[in-house]
Amino acid sequence: MKVVFKYSTKFKKYTVTAVGAAISALIGASSLGVGAAVAASVSAALVQQIINEHIKVLYYTDKVYYKTVIPPKKGMFRQKVAEKDIFYMYKNSARTKSVKGSPKTVYHYKKGYKK
């Protein structure tokens, strides 16, 4: 299953820490739960590029792919066990000018589930 979300983030401060925290927040969350979310590391090159080019608003598209398993018993719902998020980051709202270091891919797995 694939879902696409489109967002933008406005930066108030141009420090590596502030921009890194904002990007980490957007790519570090997972609908698989806090225990299953992996701490997403943001490349310093991507953050530095945003600061160097004075990008005030970061536009991004999140393409989300889900993997589910067939339930063991009849009448049970399918369970989501894995998620793949691909974040495409852009300098403009038309999403035609990519930010250097984009796209960024993050994987999330339910605890106990193997790749």
C-alpha atoms as a PDB file:
ATOM      1  CA  MET A   1       0.000   0.000   0.000  1.00  0.00           C
ATOM      2  CA  LYS A   2       1.303   3.480  -0.854  1.00  0.00           C
ATOM      3  CA  VAL A   3       0.180   6.838   0.561  1.00  0.00           C
ATOM      4  CA  VAL A   4       1.536  10.270  -0.424  1.00  0.00           C
ATOM      5  CA  PHE A   5       1.535  13.327   1.865  1.00  0.00           C
ATOM      6  CA  LYS A   6       2.637  16.875   0.970  1.00  0.00           C
ATOM      7  CA  TYR A   7       3.842  19.337   3.612  1.00  0.00           C
ATOM      8  CA  SER A   8       5.971  22.412   4.171  1.00  0.00           C
ATOM      9  CA  THR A   9       8.037  23.532   7.138  1.00  0.00           C
ATOM     10  CA  LYS A  10       8.931  27.150   7.922  1.00  0.00           C
ATOM     11  CA  PHE A  11      12.257  27.686   9.695  1.00  0.00           C
ATOM     12  CA  LYS A  12      12.459  30.529  12.205  1.00  0.00           C
ATOM     13  CA  LYS A  13      16.155  30.167  13.059  1.00  0.00           C
ATOM     14  CA  TYR A  14      18.992  29.281  10.736  1.00  0.00           C
ATOM     15  CA  THR A  15      21.151  27.159  12.992  1.00  0.00           C
ATOM     16  CA  VAL A  16      22.253  23.629  12.270  1.00  0.00           C
ATOM     17  CA  THR A  17      20.655  22.513  15.528  1.00  0.00           C
ATOM     18  CA  ALA A  18      17.266  24.107  14.799  1.00  0.00           C
ATOM     19  CA  VAL A  19      17.054  22.880  11.205  1.00  0.00           C
ATOM     20  CA  GLY A  20      18.355  19.431  12.158  1.00  0.00           C
ATOM     21  CA  ALA A  21      15.758  19.128  14.926  1.00  0.00           C
ATOM     22  CA  ALA A  22      12.928  20.158  12.574  1.00  0.00           C
ATOM     23  CA  ILE A  23      13.951  17.655   9.904  1.00  0.00           C
ATOM     24  CA  SER A  24      14.561  14.888  12.460  1.00  0.00           C
ATOM     25  CA  ALA A  25      11.060  15.448  13.826  1.00  0.00           C
ATOM     26  CA  LEU A  26       9.455  15.112  10.404  1.00  0.00           C
ATOM     27  CA  ILE A  27      11.323  11.959   9.396  1.00  0.00           C
ATOM     28  CA  GLY A  28      11.669  10.332  12.817  1.00  0.00           C
ATOM     29  CA  ALA A  29       7.998   9.676  13.535  1.00  0.00           C
ATOM     30  CA  SER A  30       6.381   6.339  12.755  1.00  0.00           C
ATOM     31  CA  SER A  31       2.820   5.160  12.935  1.00  0.00           C
ATOM     32  CA  LEU A  32       4.170   1.801  14.140  1.00  0.00           C
ATOM     33  CA  GLY A  33       4.525   3.252  17.642  1.00  0.00           C
ATOM     34  CA  VAL A  34       7.222   4.822  19.729  1.00  0.00           C
ATOM     35  CA  GLY A  35       8.895   1.494  20.456  1.00  0.00           C
ATOM     36  CA  ALA A  36       9.197   0.686  16.766  1.00  0.00           C
ATOM     37  CA  ALA A  37      10.371   4.096  15.576  1.00  0.00           C
ATOM     38  CA  VAL A  38      14.035   4.316  14.769  1.00  0.00           C
ATOM     39  CA  ALA A  39      15.973   7.462  15.529  1.00  0.00           C
ATOM     40  CA  ALA A  40      16.394   9.002  12.087  1.00  0.00           C
ATOM     41  CA  SER A  41      19.740  10.598  11.466  1.00  0.00           C
ATOM     42  CA  VAL A  42      19.734  13.633   9.240  1.00  0.00           C
ATOM     43  CA  SER A  43      22.810  14.085   7.101  1.00  0.00           C
ATOM     44  CA  ALA A  44      24.824  17.184   7.964  1.00  0.00           C
ATOM     45  CA  ALA A  45      25.124  17.947   4.251  1.00  0.00           C
ATOM     46  CA  LEU A  46      21.336  18.257   3.870  1.00  0.00           C
ATOM     47  CA  VAL A  47      21.006  20.540   6.903  1.00  0.00           C
ATOM     48  CA  GLN A  48      24.005  22.642   5.857  1.00  0.00           C
ATOM     49  CA  GLN A  49      22.568  23.019   2.337  1.00  0.00           C
ATOM     50  CA  ILE A  50      19.319  24.426   3.755  1.00  0.00           C
ATOM     51  CA  ILE A  51      21.249  26.931   5.853  1.00  0.00           C
ATOM     52  CA  ASN A  52      23.731  27.893   3.100  1.00  0.00           C
ATOM     53  CA  GLU A  53      20.963  28.622   0.611  1.00  0.00           C
ATOM     54  CA  HIS A  54      18.854  30.502   3.189  1.00  0.00           C
ATOM     55  CA  ILE A  55      15.873  28.276   2.526  1.00  0.00           C
ATOM     56  CA  LYS A  56      13.114  29.764   4.696  1.00  0.00           C
ATOM     57  CA  VAL A  57      10.456  27.204   3.809  1.00  0.00           C
ATOM     58  CA  LEU A  58      11.180  23.559   3.076  1.00  0.00           C
ATOM     59  CA  TYR A  59       8.559  21.806   0.971  1.00  0.00           C
ATOM     60  CA  TYR A  60       8.523  18.054   1.196  1.00  0.00           C
ATOM     61  CA  THR A  61       6.594  15.060  -0.031  1.00  0.00           C
ATOM     62  CA  ASP A  62       6.404  11.884   2.018  1.00  0.00           C
ATOM     63  CA  LYS A  63       5.728   8.693   0.082  1.00  0.00           C
ATOM     64  CA  VAL A  64       4.774   5.992   2.573  1.00  0.00           C
ATOM     65  CA  TYR A  65       4.778   2.273   1.821  1.00  0.00           C
ATOM     66  CA  TYR A  66       3.283  -0.254   4.267  1.00  0.00           C
ATOM     67  CA  LYS A  67       3.819  -3.972   4.649  1.00  0.00           C
ATOM     68  CA  THR A  68       1.138  -6.006   6.385  1.00  0.00           C
ATOM     69  CA  VAL A  69       0.854  -9.656   7.367  1.00  0.00           C
ATOM     70  CA  ILE A  70      -2.081 -12.000   6.995  1.00  0.00           C
ATOM     71  CA  PRO A  71      -3.729 -12.564  10.387  1.00  0.00           C
ATOM     72  CA  PRO A  72      -3.265 -15.993  12.000  1.00  0.00           C
ATOM     73  CA  LYS A  73      -6.993 -16.419  12.715  1.00  0.00           C
ATOM     74  CA  LYS A  74     -10.121 -15.777  10.669  1.00  0.00           C
ATOM     75  CA  GLY A  75     -11.846 -12.533  11.627  1.00  0.00           C
ATOM     76  CA  MET A  76      -8.647 -10.771  12.683  1.00  0.00           C
ATOM     77  CA  PHE A  77      -7.401  -7.658  10.912  1.00  0.00           C
ATOM     78  CA  ARG A  78      -4.195  -7.450   8.910  1.00  0.00           C
ATOM     79  CA  GLN A  79      -1.375  -6.001  10.979  1.00  0.00           C
ATOM     80  CA  LYS A  80       1.129  -3.445   9.719  1.00  0.00           C
ATOM     81  CA  VAL A  81       4.654  -4.708  10.433  1.00  0.00           C
ATOM     82  CA  ALA A  82       6.865  -2.447   8.340  1.00  0.00           C
ATOM     83  CA  GLU A  83       6.865   1.045   6.902  1.00  0.00           C
ATOM     84  CA  LYS A  84       9.129   2.737   4.361  1.00  0.00           C
ATOM     85  CA  ASP A  85       9.054   6.533   4.124  1.00  0.00           C
ATOM     86  CA  ILE A  86      10.733   8.350   1.245  1.00  0.00           C
ATOM     87  CA  PHE A  87      11.023  12.102   1.894  1.00  0.00           C
ATOM     88  CA  TYR A  88      11.559  14.318  -1.141  1.00  0.00           C
ATOM     89  CA  MET A  89      12.592  17.866  -0.120  1.00  0.00           C
ATOM     90  CA  TYR A  90      12.223  20.941  -2.313  1.00  0.00           C
ATOM     91  CA  LYS A  91      13.082  24.642  -2.298  1.00  0.00           C
ATOM     92  CA  ASN A  92       9.833  25.716  -3.980  1.00  0.00           C
ATOM     93  CA  SER A  93       6.126  24.970  -3.630  1.00  0.00           C
ATOM     94  CA  ALA A  94       5.958  23.644  -7.205  1.00  0.00           C
ATOM     95  CA  ARG A  95       8.355  20.913  -6.026  1.00  0.00           C
ATOM     96  CA  THR A  96      10.639  21.294  -9.019  1.00  0.00           C
ATOM     97  CA  LYS A  97      13.883  22.390  -7.261  1.00  0.00           C
ATOM     98  CA  SER A  98      15.228  19.586  -5.074  1.00  0.00           C
ATOM     99  CA  VAL A  99      17.368  20.234  -2.023  1.00  0.00           C
ATOM    100  CA  LYS A 100      20.808  18.624  -2.257  1.00  0.00           C
ATOM    101  CA  GLY A 101      20.728  15.367  -0.254  1.00  0.00           C
ATOM    102  CA  SER A 102      17.107  14.617  -1.132  1.00  0.00           C
ATOM    103  CA  PRO A 103      15.431  12.094  -1.145  1.00  0.00           C
ATOM    104  CA  LYS A 104      15.911  10.607   2.330  1.00  0.00           C
ATOM    105  CA  THR A 105      14.594   7.086   3.028  1.00  0.00           C
ATOM    106  CA  VAL A 106      13.674   5.836   6.503  1.00  0.00           C
ATOM    107  CA  TYR A 107      12.554   2.314   7.465  1.00  0.00           C
ATOM    108  CA  HIS A 108      10.484   1.370  10.512  1.00  0.00           C
ATOM    109  CA  TYR A 109       9.862  -2.208  11.675  1.00  0.00           C
ATOM    110  CA  LYS A 110       7.535  -3.492  14.350  1.00  0.00           C
ATOM    111  CA  LYS A 111       9.428  -4.919  17.311  1.00  0.00           C
ATOM    112  CA  GLY A 112      10.247  -8.567  16.653  1.00  0.00           C
ATOM    113  CA  TYR A 113       9.677  -8.327  12.903  1.00  0.00           C
ATOM    114  CA  LYS A 114      12.631  -9.093  10.656  1.00  0.00           C
ATOM    115  CA  LYS A 115      13.271  -7.564   7.252  1.00  0.00           C
END
